[in-house]
Amino acid sequence: MPEYETENRGVLFPNRYKEEGDNKPDYTGNVDVQGEQWRLAAWDNTSAKGNRYLSIAVSEPKDKGSDDTDVPF
């Protein structure tokens, strides 16, 4: 059993595969929603008024053997 409750919680980490000018997410991670794992990806953006925000995408988890490096988990 984990030290703390993980259901309905998630985490994002800086994407170490992100390179200048590419469209890979700035942050990647995962989230547990009612016992199901989902992938998270987030991009750091700035609005037209100069406000910073994160744009977030949620997707199904990839197989561990996948060679997808856009969202490495």
Protein backbone atom coordinates (compact mmCIF):
# COMPACT_ATOMS: atom_id res chain seq x y z
CA MET A 1 0.00 0.00 0.00
CA PRO A 2 1.40 3.46 -0.90
CA GLU A 3 2.32 5.98 1.78
CA TYR A 4 -0.37 8.36 0.57
CA GLU A 5 -3.62 8.27 -1.40
CA THR A 6 -2.98 8.20 -5.17
CA GLU A 7 -6.54 7.84 -6.53
CA ASN A 8 -7.72 10.95 -8.37
CA ARG A 9 -4.24 12.47 -8.25
CA GLY A 10 -1.52 12.98 -10.84
CA VAL A 11 1.95 14.29 -11.42
CA LEU A 12 3.78 16.19 -14.18
CA PHE A 13 7.54 16.29 -14.71
CA PRO A 14 9.63 18.42 -17.09
CA ASN A 15 10.04 16.56 -20.39
CA ARG A 16 13.74 15.73 -20.69
CA TYR A 17 13.23 14.88 -24.39
CA LYS A 18 11.94 18.37 -25.28
CA GLU A 19 14.16 20.27 -27.71
CA GLU A 20 14.03 23.89 -28.78
CA GLY A 21 11.43 24.43 -31.50
CA ASP A 22 9.75 21.01 -31.38
CA ASN A 23 6.11 20.43 -30.47
CA LYS A 24 6.73 17.84 -27.75
CA PRO A 25 5.06 18.65 -24.43
CA ASP A 26 6.97 20.70 -21.87
CA TYR A 27 5.73 18.39 -19.09
CA THR A 28 4.65 14.74 -19.02
CA GLY A 29 3.24 12.49 -16.36
CA ASN A 30 0.24 10.44 -15.38
CA VAL A 31 -2.95 10.69 -13.39
CA ASP A 32 -5.13 8.13 -11.63
CA VAL A 33 -8.84 8.75 -12.24
CA GLN A 34 -11.09 6.46 -10.22
CA GLY A 35 -8.48 3.70 -10.30
CA GLU A 36 -7.60 4.02 -14.02
CA GLN A 37 -4.22 5.34 -15.18
CA TRP A 38 -4.10 8.04 -17.87
CA ARG A 39 -1.19 9.84 -19.57
CA LEU A 40 -0.79 13.59 -19.16
CA ALA A 41 1.01 16.05 -21.41
CA ALA A 42 1.23 19.81 -20.81
CA TRP A 43 2.56 22.73 -22.81
CA ASP A 44 3.62 26.03 -21.24
CA ASN A 45 1.87 28.88 -23.10
CA THR A 46 1.28 32.62 -22.85
CA SER A 47 -2.08 34.19 -23.68
CA ALA A 48 -2.52 37.23 -25.92
CA LYS A 49 -2.80 39.31 -22.73
CA GLY A 50 0.52 37.97 -21.42
CA ASN A 51 -0.86 35.51 -18.86
CA ARG A 52 1.01 32.20 -18.53
CA TYR A 53 -1.00 28.98 -18.55
CA LEU A 54 -0.64 25.24 -19.15
CA SER A 55 -2.48 23.56 -22.00
CA ILE A 56 -3.11 19.93 -20.95
CA ALA A 57 -3.92 16.77 -22.92
CA VAL A 58 -5.09 13.47 -21.43
CA SER A 59 -4.73 10.20 -23.33
CA GLU A 60 -4.82 6.46 -22.78
CA PRO A 61 -1.59 4.90 -21.51
CA LYS A 62 0.83 3.52 -24.10
CA ASP A 63 2.18 -0.02 -23.98
CA LYS A 64 5.49 -0.16 -22.11
CA GLY A 65 7.20 -1.44 -25.29
CA SER A 66 6.10 1.57 -27.35
CA ASP A 67 8.83 3.64 -29.03
CA ASP A 68 6.77 6.86 -28.85
CA THR A 69 9.02 9.61 -27.43
CA ASP A 70 6.52 12.48 -27.59
CA VAL A 71 5.17 11.56 -24.13
CA PRO A 72 7.67 9.20 -22.51
CA PHE A 73 6.29 7.16 -19.62
